[in-house]
Amino acid sequence: MSLNRKQKSVLELFDQLGEQTARFSEDSGIRCKSGCGECCVYPKVHATILEFIPFAYKMVVEDKAFELLEKIKVLDNEDSTCIIFRHESPNSSNGRCSDYNNRGLICRLYGYSANLNKNGAYSMITCTIIKSNNTELFRNAESLLARANHLPIATDYYSRLQSIDLNLSLETYPINTAIRKALEYSLSYYTYRNHPK
């Protein structure tokens, strides 16, 4: 599969997740706090290479991949926050994703998805801010978990990601390492091919 087709397939999966997440948010009333980037500044976020292929592809198209690669190499460790996140003020978790449309799968699932717990029941994957902002809304959201098709199931989406390209989606890395590897993969792909427009 070509890199262009691969990134389009990932974006199609993201669109399906976005629709399901929007329905759940509408029905439950659960929403992220405006301007909150708490999950983005957590330094131990891990991701796959494939979920950042759309972002890397865009950087290649815009001729920004090499520049970003150099910036990431300076930060490439487990204690650095996501390179795509933009702080609104120094030492603050407030901010925004600088490329929200091409953020990774982990970014899309956190806060609005579920997994089966050890007891065989669905439990939400969300942050303490969402849980504590409005406990009644959170309890309402948990009651919707009984309908498995209602809330995105994280493992289902990772399985669907693996069906696009197993090699690029099997292993997880610290988020900046995953982004770096996605950039390197994309740049390597176009070494002997026509540059995408």
N, C-alpha and C. Protein backbone atom coordinates (compact mmCIF):
# COMPACT_ATOMS: atom_id res chain seq x y z
N MET A 1 0.85 -1.18 0.00
CA MET A 1 0.00 0.00 0.00
C MET A 1 0.89 1.24 0.00
N SER A 2 0.56 2.20 -0.84
CA SER A 2 1.35 3.42 -0.91
C SER A 2 1.21 4.21 0.40
N LEU A 3 2.16 5.08 0.66
CA LEU A 3 2.11 5.90 1.87
C LEU A 3 0.89 6.82 1.84
N ASN A 4 0.57 7.36 0.68
CA ASN A 4 -0.60 8.22 0.56
C ASN A 4 -1.87 7.45 0.91
N ARG A 5 -2.00 6.24 0.39
CA ARG A 5 -3.18 5.41 0.68
C ARG A 5 -3.21 5.03 2.17
N LYS A 6 -2.03 4.74 2.71
CA LYS A 6 -1.94 4.36 4.12
C LYS A 6 -2.42 5.49 5.03
N GLN A 7 -1.95 6.70 4.74
CA GLN A 7 -2.35 7.83 5.60
C GLN A 7 -3.82 8.14 5.43
N LYS A 8 -4.36 7.94 4.22
CA LYS A 8 -5.80 8.14 4.01
C LYS A 8 -6.62 7.11 4.77
N SER A 9 -6.14 5.87 4.80
CA SER A 9 -6.83 4.81 5.55
C SER A 9 -6.86 5.12 7.04
N VAL A 10 -5.74 5.63 7.55
CA VAL A 10 -5.68 6.00 8.97
C VAL A 10 -6.65 7.15 9.24
N LEU A 11 -6.68 8.14 8.37
CA LEU A 11 -7.59 9.28 8.54
C LEU A 11 -9.05 8.85 8.45
N GLU A 12 -9.36 7.87 7.61
CA GLU A 12 -10.73 7.35 7.53
C GLU A 12 -11.12 6.69 8.85
N LEU A 13 -10.19 5.94 9.43
CA LEU A 13 -10.43 5.32 10.74
C LEU A 13 -10.66 6.40 11.80
N PHE A 14 -9.84 7.45 11.75
CA PHE A 14 -9.99 8.57 12.70
C PHE A 14 -11.35 9.26 12.54
N ASP A 15 -11.82 9.39 11.30
CA ASP A 15 -13.13 10.00 11.05
C ASP A 15 -14.24 9.17 11.68
N GLN A 16 -14.16 7.85 11.53
CA GLN A 16 -15.16 6.96 12.13
C GLN A 16 -15.14 7.08 13.66
N LEU A 17 -13.94 7.13 14.22
CA LEU A 17 -13.81 7.31 15.67
C LEU A 17 -14.39 8.65 16.09
N GLY A 18 -14.11 9.70 15.32
CA GLY A 18 -14.62 11.03 15.63
C GLY A 18 -16.13 11.08 15.69
N GLU A 19 -16.79 10.38 14.74
CA GLU A 19 -18.25 10.34 14.72
C GLU A 19 -18.78 9.63 15.96
N GLN A 20 -18.15 8.51 16.32
CA GLN A 20 -18.60 7.75 17.48
C GLN A 20 -18.35 8.53 18.78
N THR A 21 -17.21 9.19 18.85
CA THR A 21 -16.88 10.00 20.02
C THR A 21 -17.84 11.17 20.17
N ALA A 22 -18.18 11.82 19.06
CA ALA A 22 -19.10 12.96 19.09
C ALA A 22 -20.48 12.53 19.59
N ARG A 23 -20.95 11.35 19.13
CA ARG A 23 -22.24 10.84 19.59
C ARG A 23 -22.22 10.58 21.10
N PHE A 24 -21.12 9.95 21.56
CA PHE A 24 -21.02 9.66 22.99
C PHE A 24 -20.95 10.95 23.81
N SER A 25 -20.20 11.91 23.35
CA SER A 25 -20.08 13.19 24.05
C SER A 25 -21.44 13.89 24.12
N GLU A 26 -22.17 13.85 23.02
CA GLU A 26 -23.50 14.48 22.96
C GLU A 26 -24.46 13.80 23.93
N ASP A 27 -24.47 12.47 23.92
CA ASP A 27 -25.41 11.72 24.76
C ASP A 27 -25.05 11.78 26.24
N SER A 28 -23.76 11.82 26.54
CA SER A 28 -23.31 11.78 27.94
C SER A 28 -23.12 13.16 28.55
N GLY A 29 -22.85 14.16 27.70
CA GLY A 29 -22.53 15.49 28.20
C GLY A 29 -21.07 15.65 28.59
N ILE A 30 -20.27 14.59 28.41
CA ILE A 30 -18.85 14.61 28.76
C ILE A 30 -18.08 15.41 27.70
N ARG A 31 -17.29 16.36 28.17
CA ARG A 31 -16.45 17.16 27.27
C ARG A 31 -15.15 17.52 27.97
N CYS A 32 -14.12 17.70 27.19
CA CYS A 32 -12.86 18.18 27.76
C CYS A 32 -13.03 19.64 28.18
N LYS A 33 -12.35 20.01 29.25
CA LYS A 33 -12.34 21.40 29.70
C LYS A 33 -11.64 22.25 28.64
N SER A 34 -12.22 23.36 28.29
CA SER A 34 -11.67 24.23 27.25
C SER A 34 -10.24 24.67 27.62
N GLY A 35 -9.33 24.53 26.67
CA GLY A 35 -7.95 24.96 26.87
C GLY A 35 -7.11 24.00 27.68
N CYS A 36 -7.69 22.89 28.12
CA CYS A 36 -6.94 21.94 28.93
C CYS A 36 -6.02 21.10 28.05
N GLY A 37 -4.78 20.97 28.47
CA GLY A 37 -3.82 20.12 27.77
C GLY A 37 -3.13 19.18 28.73
N GLU A 38 -3.81 18.88 29.84
CA GLU A 38 -3.22 18.05 30.89
C GLU A 38 -2.71 16.71 30.36
N CYS A 39 -3.50 16.07 29.50
CA CYS A 39 -3.07 14.76 28.97
C CYS A 39 -1.93 14.92 27.97
N CYS A 40 -1.83 16.09 27.34
CA CYS A 40 -0.78 16.33 26.34
C CYS A 40 0.58 16.57 26.99
N VAL A 41 0.59 17.08 28.21
CA VAL A 41 1.87 17.38 28.86
C VAL A 41 2.36 16.22 29.71
N TYR A 42 1.55 15.17 29.85
CA TYR A 42 1.99 13.99 30.58
C TYR A 42 3.13 13.36 29.78
N PRO A 43 4.30 13.19 30.40
CA PRO A 43 5.48 12.79 29.62
C PRO A 43 5.58 11.31 29.26
N LYS A 44 4.71 10.47 29.77
CA LYS A 44 4.85 9.03 29.55
C LYS A 44 3.86 8.48 28.51
N VAL A 45 3.32 9.34 27.65
CA VAL A 45 2.37 8.90 26.62
C VAL A 45 3.12 8.08 25.57
N HIS A 46 2.56 6.93 25.23
CA HIS A 46 3.14 6.07 24.20
C HIS A 46 2.17 5.97 23.02
N ALA A 47 2.74 5.82 21.83
CA ALA A 47 1.95 5.75 20.61
C ALA A 47 2.64 4.85 19.60
N THR A 48 1.90 4.49 18.56
CA THR A 48 2.48 3.70 17.47
C THR A 48 2.96 4.65 16.37
N ILE A 49 3.77 4.12 15.49
CA ILE A 49 4.24 4.91 14.36
C ILE A 49 3.08 5.24 13.42
N LEU A 50 2.24 4.24 13.15
CA LEU A 50 1.20 4.40 12.13
C LEU A 50 0.21 5.51 12.47
N GLU A 51 -0.11 5.69 13.74
CA GLU A 51 -1.10 6.72 14.08
C GLU A 51 -0.58 8.13 13.82
N PHE A 52 0.74 8.28 13.63
CA PHE A 52 1.29 9.59 13.29
C PHE A 52 1.77 9.68 11.84
N ILE A 53 1.44 8.68 11.03
CA ILE A 53 1.76 8.75 9.61
C ILE A 53 1.01 9.90 8.92
N PRO A 54 -0.28 10.16 9.21
CA PRO A 54 -0.91 11.33 8.57
C PRO A 54 -0.21 12.64 8.91
N PHE A 55 0.20 12.79 10.15
CA PHE A 55 0.93 14.00 10.55
C PHE A 55 2.27 14.08 9.81
N ALA A 56 3.01 12.98 9.78
CA ALA A 56 4.32 12.95 9.11
C ALA A 56 4.16 13.21 7.61
N TYR A 57 3.14 12.62 7.01
CA TYR A 57 2.88 12.83 5.58
C TYR A 57 2.65 14.31 5.30
N LYS A 58 1.85 14.95 6.15
CA LYS A 58 1.59 16.38 5.97
C LYS A 58 2.89 17.19 6.09
N MET A 59 3.75 16.82 7.03
CA MET A 59 5.02 17.53 7.21
C MET A 59 5.90 17.38 5.97
N VAL A 60 5.88 16.19 5.35
CA VAL A 60 6.65 15.96 4.13
C VAL A 60 6.09 16.83 3.00
N VAL A 61 4.77 16.83 2.84
CA VAL A 61 4.12 17.61 1.79
C VAL A 61 4.44 19.10 1.94
N GLU A 62 4.46 19.58 3.18
CA GLU A 62 4.71 21.00 3.45
C GLU A 62 6.21 21.33 3.58
N ASP A 63 7.08 20.36 3.32
CA ASP A 63 8.53 20.53 3.42
C ASP A 63 8.97 20.98 4.82
N LYS A 64 8.32 20.47 5.85
CA LYS A 64 8.67 20.80 7.23
C LYS A 64 9.23 19.59 8.00
N ALA A 65 9.32 18.45 7.33
CA ALA A 65 9.70 17.22 8.01
C ALA A 65 11.12 17.24 8.56
N PHE A 66 12.09 17.70 7.78
CA PHE A 66 13.47 17.71 8.24
C PHE A 66 13.66 18.65 9.42
N GLU A 67 13.04 19.81 9.34
CA GLU A 67 13.14 20.79 10.43
C GLU A 67 12.56 20.23 11.72
N LEU A 68 11.40 19.60 11.62
CA LEU A 68 10.76 19.02 12.81
C LEU A 68 11.57 17.85 13.35
N LEU A 69 12.12 17.08 12.46
CA LEU A 69 12.96 15.94 12.85
C LEU A 69 14.14 16.40 13.70
N GLU A 70 14.76 17.48 13.34
CA GLU A 70 15.88 18.02 14.13
C GLU A 70 15.42 18.47 15.51
N LYS A 71 14.25 19.10 15.58
CA LYS A 71 13.71 19.53 16.88
C LYS A 71 13.40 18.33 17.77
N ILE A 72 12.84 17.29 17.18
CA ILE A 72 12.48 16.10 17.95
C ILE A 72 13.72 15.39 18.47
N LYS A 73 14.78 15.35 17.68
CA LYS A 73 16.00 14.65 18.11
C LYS A 73 16.55 15.23 19.40
N VAL A 74 16.34 16.52 19.62
CA VAL A 74 16.77 17.17 20.86
C VAL A 74 15.89 16.71 22.03
N LEU A 75 14.60 16.48 21.76
CA LEU A 75 13.65 16.12 22.82
C LEU A 75 13.43 14.63 22.98
N ASP A 76 13.98 13.83 22.11
CA ASP A 76 13.62 12.42 22.01
C ASP A 76 14.01 11.61 23.25
N ASN A 77 13.19 11.72 24.27
CA ASN A 77 13.35 10.87 25.45
C ASN A 77 11.99 10.68 26.11
N GLU A 78 11.92 9.81 27.09
CA GLU A 78 10.64 9.48 27.70
C GLU A 78 10.09 10.58 28.59
N ASP A 79 10.88 11.58 28.91
CA ASP A 79 10.42 12.64 29.81
C ASP A 79 9.97 13.90 29.09
N SER A 80 9.93 13.88 27.77
CA SER A 80 9.51 15.08 27.04
C SER A 80 8.04 14.98 26.66
N THR A 81 7.37 16.13 26.66
CA THR A 81 5.97 16.16 26.26
C THR A 81 5.89 16.22 24.73
N CYS A 82 4.71 15.98 24.23
CA CYS A 82 4.48 15.90 22.79
C CYS A 82 4.94 17.17 22.08
N ILE A 83 5.71 17.00 21.03
CA ILE A 83 6.27 18.12 20.25
C ILE A 83 5.17 18.92 19.54
N ILE A 84 4.02 18.30 19.31
CA ILE A 84 2.93 18.96 18.60
C ILE A 84 2.13 19.88 19.52
N PHE A 85 2.23 19.66 20.82
CA PHE A 85 1.47 20.48 21.78
C PHE A 85 2.07 21.87 21.91
N ARG A 86 1.22 22.88 21.94
CA ARG A 86 1.65 24.27 22.10
C ARG A 86 1.11 24.81 23.42
N HIS A 87 2.01 25.15 24.33
CA HIS A 87 1.63 25.72 25.62
C HIS A 87 1.09 27.14 25.43
N GLU A 88 0.08 27.50 26.22
CA GLU A 88 -0.41 28.88 26.20
C GLU A 88 0.43 29.78 27.09
N SER A 89 1.07 29.17 28.09
CA SER A 89 1.96 29.93 28.97
C SER A 89 3.04 28.97 29.46
N PRO A 90 4.20 29.47 29.85
CA PRO A 90 5.29 28.61 30.32
C PRO A 90 4.86 27.79 31.54
N ASN A 91 5.34 26.57 31.63
CA ASN A 91 5.08 25.67 32.76
C ASN A 91 3.58 25.49 33.02
N SER A 92 2.79 25.45 31.97
CA SER A 92 1.35 25.33 32.12
C SER A 92 0.85 24.16 31.29
N SER A 93 -0.20 23.50 31.79
CA SER A 93 -0.82 22.43 31.01
C SER A 93 -1.87 22.99 30.07
N ASN A 94 -2.17 24.28 30.17
CA ASN A 94 -3.11 24.89 29.23
C ASN A 94 -2.42 25.05 27.89
N GLY A 95 -3.17 24.78 26.84
CA GLY A 95 -2.61 24.90 25.50
C GLY A 95 -3.48 24.21 24.49
N ARG A 96 -2.87 23.85 23.37
CA ARG A 96 -3.63 23.22 22.29
C ARG A 96 -2.71 22.37 21.43
N CYS A 97 -3.31 21.46 20.72
CA CYS A 97 -2.58 20.67 19.75
C CYS A 97 -2.38 21.55 18.52
N SER A 98 -1.16 21.64 18.04
CA SER A 98 -0.89 22.51 16.88
C SER A 98 -1.33 21.88 15.56
N ASP A 99 -1.68 20.59 15.57
CA ASP A 99 -2.22 19.95 14.37
C ASP A 99 -3.30 18.95 14.79
N TYR A 100 -4.38 19.50 15.30
CA TYR A 100 -5.47 18.71 15.89
C TYR A 100 -6.04 17.68 14.91
N ASN A 101 -6.14 18.02 13.65
CA ASN A 101 -6.70 17.10 12.65
C ASN A 101 -5.81 15.89 12.41
N ASN A 102 -4.53 16.00 12.70
CA ASN A 102 -3.60 14.90 12.45
C ASN A 102 -3.00 14.35 13.74
N ARG A 103 -3.67 14.58 14.87
CA ARG A 103 -3.19 14.02 16.13
C ARG A 103 -3.33 12.50 16.11
N GLY A 104 -2.64 11.84 17.01
CA GLY A 104 -2.60 10.38 17.02
C GLY A 104 -3.87 9.72 17.55
N LEU A 105 -3.92 8.41 17.43
CA LEU A 105 -5.06 7.64 17.92
C LEU A 105 -5.17 7.75 19.44
N ILE A 106 -4.04 7.68 20.13
CA ILE A 106 -4.06 7.78 21.59
C ILE A 106 -4.70 9.10 22.02
N CYS A 107 -4.44 10.16 21.30
CA CYS A 107 -4.99 11.49 21.61
C CYS A 107 -6.50 11.51 21.41
N ARG A 108 -6.96 10.76 20.45
CA ARG A 108 -8.39 10.74 20.11
C ARG A 108 -9.18 9.85 21.06
N LEU A 109 -8.55 8.81 21.56
CA LEU A 109 -9.25 7.85 22.42
C LEU A 109 -9.31 8.30 23.88
N TYR A 110 -8.26 8.96 24.35
CA TYR A 110 -8.19 9.29 25.77
C TYR A 110 -9.30 10.26 26.16
N GLY A 111 -10.04 9.88 27.16
CA GLY A 111 -11.13 10.70 27.64
C GLY A 111 -12.48 10.22 27.15
N TYR A 112 -12.52 9.59 25.98
CA TYR A 112 -13.79 9.23 25.35
C TYR A 112 -13.80 7.79 24.83
N SER A 113 -13.19 6.88 25.56
CA SER A 113 -13.21 5.49 25.11
C SER A 113 -13.26 4.58 26.34
N ALA A 114 -13.34 3.28 26.05
CA ALA A 114 -13.41 2.30 27.14
C ALA A 114 -12.62 1.06 26.75
N ASN A 115 -12.35 0.26 27.75
CA ASN A 115 -11.75 -1.06 27.58
C ASN A 115 -12.41 -2.01 28.54
N LEU A 116 -12.26 -3.30 28.28
CA LEU A 116 -12.75 -4.29 29.23
C LEU A 116 -11.79 -4.34 30.41
N ASN A 117 -12.32 -4.29 31.63
CA ASN A 117 -11.45 -4.40 32.80
C ASN A 117 -11.28 -5.86 33.18
N LYS A 118 -10.56 -6.13 34.26
CA LYS A 118 -10.25 -7.51 34.65
C LYS A 118 -11.50 -8.29 35.06
N ASN A 119 -12.59 -7.59 35.35
CA ASN A 119 -13.84 -8.25 35.73
C ASN A 119 -14.76 -8.49 34.53
N GLY A 120 -14.30 -8.13 33.34
CA GLY A 120 -15.08 -8.35 32.14
C GLY A 120 -16.12 -7.28 31.87
N ALA A 121 -16.03 -6.17 32.58
CA ALA A 121 -16.95 -5.05 32.37
C ALA A 121 -16.21 -3.91 31.68
N TYR A 122 -16.95 -3.07 30.97
CA TYR A 122 -16.34 -1.92 30.33
C TYR A 122 -16.07 -0.83 31.36
N SER A 123 -14.90 -0.22 31.25
CA SER A 123 -14.58 0.94 32.10
C SER A 123 -14.01 2.04 31.22
N MET A 124 -14.37 3.26 31.56
CA MET A 124 -13.92 4.40 30.76
C MET A 124 -12.44 4.66 30.91
N ILE A 125 -11.83 5.06 29.82
CA ILE A 125 -10.45 5.53 29.82
C ILE A 125 -10.54 7.05 29.78
N THR A 126 -10.37 7.68 30.91
CA THR A 126 -10.52 9.12 30.98
C THR A 126 -9.65 9.69 32.08
N CYS A 127 -9.63 11.00 32.17
CA CYS A 127 -8.76 11.67 33.13
C CYS A 127 -9.52 12.08 34.39
N THR A 128 -8.77 12.42 35.42
CA THR A 128 -9.38 12.83 36.68
C THR A 128 -10.14 14.15 36.53
N ILE A 129 -9.73 14.99 35.61
CA ILE A 129 -10.42 16.27 35.40
C ILE A 129 -11.84 16.02 34.90
N ILE A 130 -11.99 15.12 33.93
CA ILE A 130 -13.33 14.79 33.43
C ILE A 130 -14.14 14.11 34.54
N LYS A 131 -13.51 13.22 35.28
CA LYS A 131 -14.21 12.51 36.36
C LYS A 131 -14.68 13.46 37.45
N SER A 132 -13.85 14.42 37.79
CA SER A 132 -14.18 15.28 38.94
C SER A 132 -14.90 16.57 38.55
N ASN A 133 -14.86 16.98 37.26
CA ASN A 133 -15.51 18.21 36.82
C ASN A 133 -17.01 18.18 37.08
N ASN A 134 -17.62 17.04 36.78
CA ASN A 134 -19.05 16.88 37.02
C ASN A 134 -19.32 15.40 37.26
N THR A 135 -19.36 15.02 38.51
CA THR A 135 -19.49 13.60 38.86
C THR A 135 -20.80 13.00 38.35
N GLU A 136 -21.86 13.81 38.29
CA GLU A 136 -23.14 13.30 37.80
C GLU A 136 -23.06 12.95 36.31
N LEU A 137 -22.43 13.83 35.53
CA LEU A 137 -22.24 13.54 34.11
C LEU A 137 -21.39 12.29 33.92
N PHE A 138 -20.35 12.16 34.74
CA PHE A 138 -19.48 11.00 34.62
C PHE A 138 -20.24 9.71 34.94
N ARG A 139 -21.09 9.73 35.97
CA ARG A 139 -21.90 8.55 36.31
C ARG A 139 -22.86 8.24 35.15
N ASN A 140 -23.43 9.28 34.55
CA ASN A 140 -24.31 9.08 33.40
C ASN A 140 -23.53 8.44 32.24
N ALA A 141 -22.32 8.92 32.02
CA ALA A 141 -21.47 8.36 30.96
C ALA A 141 -21.17 6.90 31.23
N GLU A 142 -20.88 6.57 32.47
CA GLU A 142 -20.60 5.17 32.82
C GLU A 142 -21.81 4.28 32.57
N SER A 143 -23.00 4.81 32.77
CA SER A 143 -24.21 4.01 32.54
C SER A 143 -24.39 3.68 31.06
N LEU A 144 -23.84 4.51 30.19
CA LEU A 144 -23.92 4.26 28.75
C LEU A 144 -22.97 3.16 28.29
N LEU A 145 -22.04 2.77 29.17
CA LEU A 145 -21.04 1.76 28.79
C LEU A 145 -21.66 0.39 28.52
N ALA A 146 -22.84 0.17 29.07
CA ALA A 146 -23.50 -1.12 28.85
C ALA A 146 -23.78 -1.36 27.37
N ARG A 147 -23.93 -0.26 26.62
CA ARG A 147 -24.14 -0.39 25.17
C ARG A 147 -22.77 -0.34 24.49
N ALA A 148 -22.23 -1.50 24.17
CA ALA A 148 -20.86 -1.60 23.67
C ALA A 148 -20.62 -0.80 22.39
N ASN A 149 -21.68 -0.63 21.58
CA ASN A 149 -21.49 0.10 20.33
C ASN A 149 -21.58 1.61 20.54
N HIS A 150 -21.87 2.02 21.75
CA HIS A 150 -22.09 3.44 22.03
C HIS A 150 -20.78 4.19 22.26
N LEU A 151 -19.87 3.58 22.97
CA LEU A 151 -18.60 4.21 23.31
C LEU A 151 -17.48 3.53 22.55
N PRO A 152 -16.56 4.29 21.98
CA PRO A 152 -15.44 3.65 21.28
C PRO A 152 -14.65 2.74 22.23
N ILE A 153 -14.36 1.54 21.76
CA ILE A 153 -13.56 0.59 22.53
C ILE A 153 -12.13 0.68 22.00
N ALA A 154 -11.21 1.08 22.87
CA ALA A 154 -9.84 1.36 22.46
C ALA A 154 -9.18 0.17 21.76
N THR A 155 -9.32 -1.02 22.31
CA THR A 155 -8.67 -2.18 21.70
C THR A 155 -9.21 -2.46 20.30
N ASP A 156 -10.49 -2.18 20.07
CA ASP A 156 -11.06 -2.37 18.73
C ASP A 156 -10.38 -1.44 17.72
N TYR A 157 -10.20 -0.19 18.13
CA TYR A 157 -9.59 0.77 17.21
C TYR A 157 -8.11 0.46 16.97
N TYR A 158 -7.41 -0.05 17.98
CA TYR A 158 -6.02 -0.43 17.74
C TYR A 158 -5.93 -1.65 16.83
N SER A 159 -6.90 -2.57 16.95
CA SER A 159 -6.94 -3.72 16.04
C SER A 159 -7.19 -3.27 14.61
N ARG A 160 -8.08 -2.31 14.45
CA ARG A 160 -8.37 -1.79 13.11
C ARG A 160 -7.16 -1.03 12.55
N LEU A 161 -6.42 -0.36 13.41
CA LEU A 161 -5.20 0.32 12.98
C LEU A 161 -4.19 -0.72 12.49
N GLN A 162 -4.07 -1.83 13.22
CA GLN A 162 -3.13 -2.89 12.83
C GLN A 162 -3.50 -3.51 11.50
N SER A 163 -4.79 -3.52 11.16
CA SER A 163 -5.19 -4.10 9.87
C SER A 163 -4.74 -3.24 8.70
N ILE A 164 -4.39 -1.99 8.95
CA ILE A 164 -3.88 -1.10 7.89
C ILE A 164 -2.41 -1.40 7.63
N ASP A 165 -1.62 -1.53 8.71
CA ASP A 165 -0.21 -1.89 8.58
C ASP A 165 0.27 -2.43 9.93
N LEU A 166 0.42 -3.73 10.00
CA LEU A 166 0.80 -4.38 11.26
C LEU A 166 2.17 -3.93 11.74
N ASN A 167 3.13 -3.84 10.82
CA ASN A 167 4.51 -3.50 11.21
C ASN A 167 4.62 -2.12 11.85
N LEU A 168 3.81 -1.18 11.39
CA LEU A 168 3.90 0.19 11.91
C LEU A 168 2.98 0.44 13.10
N SER A 169 2.20 -0.58 13.49
CA SER A 169 1.24 -0.35 14.56
C SER A 169 1.30 -1.37 15.69
N LEU A 170 2.26 -2.27 15.64
CA LEU A 170 2.33 -3.32 16.65
C LEU A 170 3.02 -2.85 17.92
N GLU A 171 4.06 -2.05 17.77
CA GLU A 171 4.85 -1.61 18.91
C GLU A 171 4.56 -0.14 19.24
N THR A 172 4.56 0.16 20.55
CA THR A 172 4.39 1.55 20.97
C THR A 172 5.72 2.12 21.45
N TYR A 173 5.83 3.43 21.33
CA TYR A 173 7.05 4.17 21.70
C TYR A 173 6.63 5.43 22.46
N PRO A 174 7.56 6.05 23.19
CA PRO A 174 7.25 7.39 23.72
C PRO A 174 6.78 8.26 22.55
N ILE A 175 5.83 9.12 22.80
CA ILE A 175 5.12 9.82 21.71
C ILE A 175 6.05 10.53 20.73
N ASN A 176 7.09 11.21 21.23
CA ASN A 176 8.00 11.90 20.30
C ASN A 176 8.85 10.92 19.50
N THR A 177 9.14 9.77 20.07
CA THR A 177 9.86 8.74 19.32
C THR A 177 8.97 8.20 18.21
N ALA A 178 7.67 7.99 18.51
CA ALA A 178 6.73 7.53 17.48
C ALA A 178 6.62 8.55 16.36
N ILE A 179 6.54 9.83 16.72
CA ILE A 179 6.47 10.89 15.69
C ILE A 179 7.76 10.92 14.88
N ARG A 180 8.90 10.82 15.55
CA ARG A 180 10.20 10.81 14.84
C ARG A 180 10.26 9.64 13.85
N LYS A 181 9.87 8.46 14.31
CA LYS A 181 9.91 7.28 13.45
C LYS A 181 8.93 7.42 12.27
N ALA A 182 7.78 8.06 12.50
CA ALA A 182 6.82 8.29 11.42
C ALA A 182 7.42 9.26 10.39
N LEU A 183 8.10 10.29 10.86
CA LEU A 183 8.76 11.24 9.96
C LEU A 183 9.86 10.54 9.17
N GLU A 184 10.69 9.75 9.83
CA GLU A 184 11.79 9.04 9.16
C GLU A 184 11.24 8.06 8.12
N TYR A 185 10.19 7.35 8.48
CA TYR A 185 9.56 6.40 7.56
C TYR A 185 9.05 7.12 6.31
N SER A 186 8.37 8.24 6.52
CA SER A 186 7.79 9.00 5.41
C SER A 186 8.87 9.60 4.52
N LEU A 187 9.91 10.15 5.12
CA LEU A 187 11.01 10.72 4.34
C LEU A 187 11.73 9.63 3.56
N SER A 188 11.93 8.48 4.19
CA SER A 188 12.59 7.36 3.52
C SER A 188 11.75 6.86 2.34
N TYR A 189 10.44 6.82 2.54
CA TYR A 189 9.54 6.35 1.48
C TYR A 189 9.70 7.20 0.22
N TYR A 190 9.89 8.50 0.39
CA TYR A 190 9.99 9.40 -0.77
C TYR A 190 11.43 9.65 -1.22
N THR A 191 12.37 8.91 -0.72
CA THR A 191 13.75 9.08 -1.16
C THR A 191 13.90 8.84 -2.66
N TYR A 192 13.26 7.78 -3.17
CA TYR A 192 13.36 7.45 -4.59
C TYR A 192 12.01 7.50 -5.30
N ARG A 193 11.10 8.26 -4.75
CA ARG A 193 9.78 8.45 -5.37
C ARG A 193 9.53 9.94 -5.54
N ASN A 194 8.59 10.27 -6.39
CA ASN A 194 8.21 11.67 -6.55
C ASN A 194 7.64 12.22 -5.26
N HIS A 195 8.07 13.38 -4.92
CA HIS A 195 7.62 14.06 -3.70
C HIS A 195 6.11 14.31 -3.80
N PRO A 196 5.33 14.03 -2.73
CA PRO A 196 3.88 14.26 -2.81
C PRO A 196 3.54 15.74 -2.89
N LYS A 197 2.46 16.03 -3.54
CA LYS A 197 2.00 17.42 -3.69
C LYS A 197 0.91 17.71 -2.68
